[in-house]
Amino acid sequence: MAQTDFNQPKLDMTKEEKERLKYLEFVQAAAVEALLRFALIYAKAKDKSGPLKPGVESVEGAVKTVVGPVYNKYHDVPVEVLKYMDQKVSLVFFCQDIPSFFRFLYLTI
């Protein structure tokens, strides 16, 4: 019977695990939470707008028309910046564990 080593690191990562943030995931979660709360507040305010509702809807349509194409073009940029920053934080944490000579070699290559 073959015995498995549970202390051996897992080398095959799925695409989801590679895409996931290691250190700054809380920033993404906080942004999603803030966006959801803002959407809820906006929906309640829109429902309670009373006689101003047609004006609110026309302004909302104009904003969607103008901002929609810009959003479609740049909506991935904050996620990519967050991934880049997460990689830099990972590099800083990685470099603290190794001796300075090897850190110098790693950063110069």
N, C-alpha and C. Protein backbone atom coordinates (compact mmCIF):
# COMPACT_ATOMS: atom_id res chain seq x y z
N MET A 1 0.83 -1.18 0.00
CA MET A 1 0.00 0.00 0.00
C MET A 1 0.88 1.25 0.00
N ALA A 2 0.60 2.19 -0.87
CA ALA A 2 1.41 3.40 -0.98
C ALA A 2 1.04 4.38 0.12
N GLN A 3 2.07 4.98 0.66
CA GLN A 3 1.85 5.94 1.74
C GLN A 3 2.04 7.35 1.17
N THR A 4 1.10 8.24 1.42
CA THR A 4 1.19 9.60 0.90
C THR A 4 1.83 10.50 1.93
N ASP A 5 2.58 11.48 1.46
CA ASP A 5 3.23 12.44 2.35
C ASP A 5 2.36 13.70 2.40
N PHE A 6 1.78 13.97 3.56
CA PHE A 6 0.87 15.10 3.71
C PHE A 6 1.62 16.42 3.85
N ASN A 7 2.93 16.36 4.14
CA ASN A 7 3.71 17.58 4.29
C ASN A 7 4.27 18.09 2.98
N GLN A 8 4.13 17.31 1.91
CA GLN A 8 4.62 17.72 0.60
C GLN A 8 3.72 18.83 0.04
N PRO A 9 4.33 19.94 -0.44
CA PRO A 9 3.50 21.04 -0.96
C PRO A 9 2.76 20.63 -2.22
N LYS A 10 1.61 21.22 -2.39
CA LYS A 10 0.77 20.94 -3.55
C LYS A 10 1.26 21.81 -4.71
N LEU A 11 1.72 21.18 -5.78
CA LEU A 11 2.31 21.90 -6.89
C LEU A 11 1.32 22.27 -7.99
N ASP A 12 0.29 21.47 -8.16
CA ASP A 12 -0.67 21.74 -9.22
C ASP A 12 -1.80 22.62 -8.69
N MET A 13 -1.74 23.89 -9.08
CA MET A 13 -2.75 24.86 -8.64
C MET A 13 -3.77 25.03 -9.75
N THR A 14 -5.00 25.17 -9.37
CA THR A 14 -6.04 25.42 -10.36
C THR A 14 -5.97 26.87 -10.80
N LYS A 15 -6.67 27.19 -11.88
CA LYS A 15 -6.68 28.56 -12.39
C LYS A 15 -7.29 29.51 -11.36
N GLU A 16 -8.31 29.04 -10.66
CA GLU A 16 -8.95 29.87 -9.64
C GLU A 16 -7.98 30.21 -8.52
N GLU A 17 -7.15 29.25 -8.10
CA GLU A 17 -6.18 29.51 -7.04
C GLU A 17 -5.09 30.47 -7.50
N LYS A 18 -4.73 30.41 -8.79
CA LYS A 18 -3.73 31.33 -9.31
C LYS A 18 -4.27 32.76 -9.40
N GLU A 19 -5.55 32.89 -9.73
CA GLU A 19 -6.17 34.20 -9.88
C GLU A 19 -6.48 34.86 -8.54
N ARG A 20 -6.59 34.08 -7.49
CA ARG A 20 -6.99 34.58 -6.18
C ARG A 20 -5.87 35.41 -5.56
N LEU A 21 -6.24 36.49 -4.91
CA LEU A 21 -5.26 37.33 -4.24
C LEU A 21 -4.82 36.66 -2.94
N LYS A 22 -3.54 36.78 -2.62
CA LYS A 22 -3.02 36.16 -1.40
C LYS A 22 -3.13 37.09 -0.20
N TYR A 23 -2.72 38.33 -0.36
CA TYR A 23 -2.60 39.24 0.77
C TYR A 23 -3.62 40.38 0.76
N LEU A 24 -4.08 40.79 -0.38
CA LEU A 24 -4.96 41.95 -0.48
C LEU A 24 -6.39 41.59 -0.84
N GLU A 25 -6.78 40.37 -0.53
CA GLU A 25 -8.15 39.95 -0.84
C GLU A 25 -9.18 40.76 -0.06
N PHE A 26 -8.79 41.23 1.14
CA PHE A 26 -9.72 42.02 1.95
C PHE A 26 -10.08 43.33 1.27
N VAL A 27 -9.18 43.89 0.46
CA VAL A 27 -9.47 45.14 -0.25
C VAL A 27 -10.58 44.90 -1.28
N GLN A 28 -10.46 43.79 -1.99
CA GLN A 28 -11.47 43.46 -2.99
C GLN A 28 -12.81 43.18 -2.31
N ALA A 29 -12.80 42.48 -1.20
CA ALA A 29 -14.04 42.18 -0.47
C ALA A 29 -14.68 43.46 0.06
N ALA A 30 -13.87 44.37 0.56
CA ALA A 30 -14.40 45.64 1.07
C ALA A 30 -15.01 46.48 -0.05
N ALA A 31 -14.39 46.46 -1.21
CA ALA A 31 -14.92 47.22 -2.35
C ALA A 31 -16.26 46.66 -2.80
N VAL A 32 -16.36 45.35 -2.84
CA VAL A 32 -17.63 44.71 -3.24
C VAL A 32 -18.72 45.03 -2.22
N GLU A 33 -18.37 44.95 -0.93
CA GLU A 33 -19.34 45.26 0.12
C GLU A 33 -19.81 46.71 0.03
N ALA A 34 -18.88 47.64 -0.19
CA ALA A 34 -19.25 49.05 -0.31
C ALA A 34 -20.15 49.29 -1.52
N LEU A 35 -19.84 48.64 -2.62
CA LEU A 35 -20.65 48.78 -3.83
C LEU A 35 -22.06 48.26 -3.62
N LEU A 36 -22.18 47.12 -2.96
CA LEU A 36 -23.52 46.56 -2.69
C LEU A 36 -24.33 47.46 -1.77
N ARG A 37 -23.69 48.00 -0.76
CA ARG A 37 -24.41 48.91 0.16
C ARG A 37 -24.83 50.19 -0.54
N PHE A 38 -23.96 50.73 -1.39
CA PHE A 38 -24.32 51.93 -2.14
C PHE A 38 -25.49 51.65 -3.08
N ALA A 39 -25.48 50.48 -3.73
CA ALA A 39 -26.57 50.14 -4.63
C ALA A 39 -27.89 50.02 -3.87
N LEU A 40 -27.85 49.47 -2.67
CA LEU A 40 -29.07 49.36 -1.86
C LEU A 40 -29.58 50.74 -1.44
N ILE A 41 -28.69 51.60 -1.02
CA ILE A 41 -29.09 52.97 -0.63
C ILE A 41 -29.64 53.72 -1.84
N TYR A 42 -29.00 53.57 -3.00
CA TYR A 42 -29.48 54.24 -4.21
C TYR A 42 -30.86 53.74 -4.61
N ALA A 43 -31.08 52.44 -4.53
CA ALA A 43 -32.39 51.88 -4.90
C ALA A 43 -33.48 52.40 -3.96
N LYS A 44 -33.19 52.48 -2.66
CA LYS A 44 -34.18 53.00 -1.71
C LYS A 44 -34.46 54.47 -1.95
N ALA A 45 -33.41 55.25 -2.22
CA ALA A 45 -33.59 56.67 -2.48
C ALA A 45 -34.38 56.90 -3.77
N LYS A 46 -34.15 56.05 -4.77
CA LYS A 46 -34.88 56.17 -6.03
C LYS A 46 -36.35 55.83 -5.84
N ASP A 47 -36.64 54.83 -5.01
CA ASP A 47 -38.03 54.48 -4.73
C ASP A 47 -38.76 55.59 -3.97
N LYS A 48 -38.05 56.29 -3.10
CA LYS A 48 -38.67 57.33 -2.27
C LYS A 48 -38.63 58.71 -2.92
N SER A 49 -38.18 58.80 -4.17
CA SER A 49 -38.01 60.11 -4.80
C SER A 49 -39.33 60.80 -5.14
N GLY A 50 -40.41 60.05 -5.17
CA GLY A 50 -41.73 60.65 -5.39
C GLY A 50 -41.87 61.32 -6.74
N PRO A 51 -42.22 62.62 -6.74
CA PRO A 51 -42.46 63.31 -8.02
C PRO A 51 -41.18 63.54 -8.84
N LEU A 52 -40.04 63.36 -8.23
CA LEU A 52 -38.77 63.55 -8.95
C LEU A 52 -38.33 62.30 -9.71
N LYS A 53 -39.10 61.22 -9.59
CA LYS A 53 -38.71 59.93 -10.17
C LYS A 53 -38.45 60.00 -11.68
N PRO A 54 -39.30 60.66 -12.50
CA PRO A 54 -39.00 60.73 -13.94
C PRO A 54 -37.68 61.44 -14.23
N GLY A 55 -37.39 62.49 -13.49
CA GLY A 55 -36.12 63.20 -13.67
C GLY A 55 -34.93 62.34 -13.30
N VAL A 56 -35.06 61.60 -12.20
CA VAL A 56 -33.99 60.71 -11.76
C VAL A 56 -33.74 59.64 -12.81
N GLU A 57 -34.81 59.08 -13.36
CA GLU A 57 -34.66 58.03 -14.38
C GLU A 57 -34.04 58.57 -15.67
N SER A 58 -34.37 59.80 -16.06
CA SER A 58 -33.77 60.36 -17.27
C SER A 58 -32.29 60.65 -17.07
N VAL A 59 -31.92 61.16 -15.90
CA VAL A 59 -30.51 61.40 -15.60
C VAL A 59 -29.76 60.07 -15.53
N GLU A 60 -30.40 59.07 -14.94
CA GLU A 60 -29.78 57.74 -14.85
C GLU A 60 -29.52 57.17 -16.24
N GLY A 61 -30.47 57.33 -17.15
CA GLY A 61 -30.28 56.86 -18.52
C GLY A 61 -29.15 57.58 -19.23
N ALA A 62 -29.05 58.90 -19.03
CA ALA A 62 -27.98 59.68 -19.65
C ALA A 62 -26.61 59.25 -19.11
N VAL A 63 -26.54 59.04 -17.82
CA VAL A 63 -25.28 58.62 -17.21
C VAL A 63 -24.88 57.23 -17.72
N LYS A 64 -25.84 56.32 -17.83
CA LYS A 64 -25.53 54.98 -18.35
C LYS A 64 -25.03 55.05 -19.79
N THR A 65 -25.61 55.96 -20.58
CA THR A 65 -25.19 56.10 -21.97
C THR A 65 -23.76 56.61 -22.08
N VAL A 66 -23.39 57.56 -21.22
CA VAL A 66 -22.06 58.15 -21.28
C VAL A 66 -21.02 57.26 -20.61
N VAL A 67 -21.33 56.75 -19.43
CA VAL A 67 -20.36 56.01 -18.63
C VAL A 67 -20.25 54.55 -19.06
N GLY A 68 -21.27 54.00 -19.68
CA GLY A 68 -21.28 52.59 -20.07
C GLY A 68 -20.08 52.16 -20.90
N PRO A 69 -19.79 52.83 -22.02
CA PRO A 69 -18.63 52.42 -22.83
C PRO A 69 -17.29 52.57 -22.10
N VAL A 70 -17.17 53.61 -21.30
CA VAL A 70 -15.94 53.80 -20.53
C VAL A 70 -15.78 52.68 -19.51
N TYR A 71 -16.86 52.33 -18.84
CA TYR A 71 -16.82 51.24 -17.86
C TYR A 71 -16.45 49.92 -18.54
N ASN A 72 -17.05 49.64 -19.69
CA ASN A 72 -16.75 48.39 -20.39
C ASN A 72 -15.29 48.30 -20.81
N LYS A 73 -14.68 49.44 -21.09
CA LYS A 73 -13.28 49.43 -21.52
C LYS A 73 -12.32 49.28 -20.34
N TYR A 74 -12.62 49.90 -19.19
CA TYR A 74 -11.67 49.96 -18.09
C TYR A 74 -12.09 49.22 -16.83
N HIS A 75 -13.11 48.37 -16.88
CA HIS A 75 -13.57 47.74 -15.64
C HIS A 75 -12.59 46.72 -15.07
N ASP A 76 -11.65 46.20 -15.86
CA ASP A 76 -10.67 45.25 -15.35
C ASP A 76 -9.43 45.92 -14.75
N VAL A 77 -9.25 47.20 -14.96
CA VAL A 77 -8.04 47.88 -14.51
C VAL A 77 -7.86 47.82 -12.99
N PRO A 78 -8.87 48.13 -12.17
CA PRO A 78 -8.64 48.04 -10.72
C PRO A 78 -8.25 46.64 -10.26
N VAL A 79 -8.82 45.62 -10.86
CA VAL A 79 -8.50 44.24 -10.48
C VAL A 79 -7.05 43.94 -10.84
N GLU A 80 -6.62 44.37 -12.02
CA GLU A 80 -5.24 44.12 -12.45
C GLU A 80 -4.25 44.88 -11.57
N VAL A 81 -4.58 46.11 -11.19
CA VAL A 81 -3.71 46.88 -10.28
C VAL A 81 -3.63 46.18 -8.93
N LEU A 82 -4.75 45.67 -8.44
CA LEU A 82 -4.76 44.96 -7.17
C LEU A 82 -3.93 43.68 -7.25
N LYS A 83 -4.00 42.97 -8.38
CA LYS A 83 -3.18 41.76 -8.56
C LYS A 83 -1.69 42.13 -8.58
N TYR A 84 -1.36 43.22 -9.25
CA TYR A 84 0.03 43.67 -9.30
C TYR A 84 0.54 44.02 -7.90
N MET A 85 -0.26 44.75 -7.14
CA MET A 85 0.14 45.12 -5.78
C MET A 85 0.26 43.89 -4.89
N ASP A 86 -0.62 42.92 -5.08
CA ASP A 86 -0.57 41.68 -4.31
C ASP A 86 0.73 40.93 -4.61
N GLN A 87 1.16 40.93 -5.87
CA GLN A 87 2.42 40.29 -6.22
C GLN A 87 3.60 41.00 -5.57
N LYS A 88 3.54 42.32 -5.50
CA LYS A 88 4.62 43.08 -4.86
C LYS A 88 4.67 42.81 -3.36
N VAL A 89 3.51 42.74 -2.72
CA VAL A 89 3.46 42.41 -1.29
C VAL A 89 4.01 41.00 -1.07
N SER A 90 3.65 40.08 -1.94
CA SER A 90 4.15 38.72 -1.86
C SER A 90 5.67 38.70 -1.99
N LEU A 91 6.21 39.50 -2.89
CA LEU A 91 7.65 39.58 -3.07
C LEU A 91 8.34 40.11 -1.81
N VAL A 92 7.74 41.11 -1.19
CA VAL A 92 8.32 41.67 0.03
C VAL A 92 8.33 40.62 1.14
N PHE A 93 7.22 39.91 1.30
CA PHE A 93 7.18 38.87 2.34
C PHE A 93 8.15 37.74 2.02
N PHE A 94 8.28 37.40 0.76
CA PHE A 94 9.20 36.33 0.35
C PHE A 94 10.64 36.74 0.63
N CYS A 95 10.98 37.99 0.34
CA CYS A 95 12.36 38.45 0.48
C CYS A 95 12.78 38.59 1.94
N GLN A 96 11.87 38.68 2.87
CA GLN A 96 12.24 38.79 4.27
C GLN A 96 12.70 37.47 4.86
N ASP A 97 12.33 36.37 4.25
CA ASP A 97 12.67 35.05 4.77
C ASP A 97 14.02 34.54 4.30
N ILE A 98 14.60 35.16 3.30
CA ILE A 98 15.86 34.64 2.75
C ILE A 98 17.00 35.58 3.12
N PRO A 99 18.23 35.06 3.18
CA PRO A 99 19.39 35.91 3.51
C PRO A 99 19.58 37.02 2.48
N SER A 100 20.25 38.08 2.90
CA SER A 100 20.38 39.27 2.05
C SER A 100 21.15 39.00 0.76
N PHE A 101 22.15 38.12 0.78
CA PHE A 101 22.90 37.82 -0.43
C PHE A 101 22.00 37.20 -1.49
N PHE A 102 21.17 36.23 -1.10
CA PHE A 102 20.27 35.58 -2.04
C PHE A 102 19.16 36.53 -2.47
N ARG A 103 18.72 37.40 -1.57
CA ARG A 103 17.71 38.40 -1.91
C ARG A 103 18.27 39.33 -3.00
N PHE A 104 19.54 39.75 -2.83
CA PHE A 104 20.19 40.60 -3.83
C PHE A 104 20.24 39.90 -5.18
N LEU A 105 20.63 38.62 -5.18
CA LEU A 105 20.69 37.88 -6.43
C LEU A 105 19.32 37.74 -7.07
N TYR A 106 18.30 37.49 -6.25
CA TYR A 106 16.95 37.33 -6.77
C TYR A 106 16.43 38.60 -7.39
N LEU A 107 16.71 39.73 -6.75
CA LEU A 107 16.18 41.01 -7.25
C LEU A 107 16.96 41.53 -8.45
N THR A 108 18.21 41.11 -8.63
CA THR A 108 18.99 41.59 -9.76
C THR A 108 18.79 40.76 -11.01
N ILE A 109 18.28 39.58 -10.88
CA ILE A 109 18.09 38.72 -12.05
C ILE A 109 16.86 39.11 -12.82
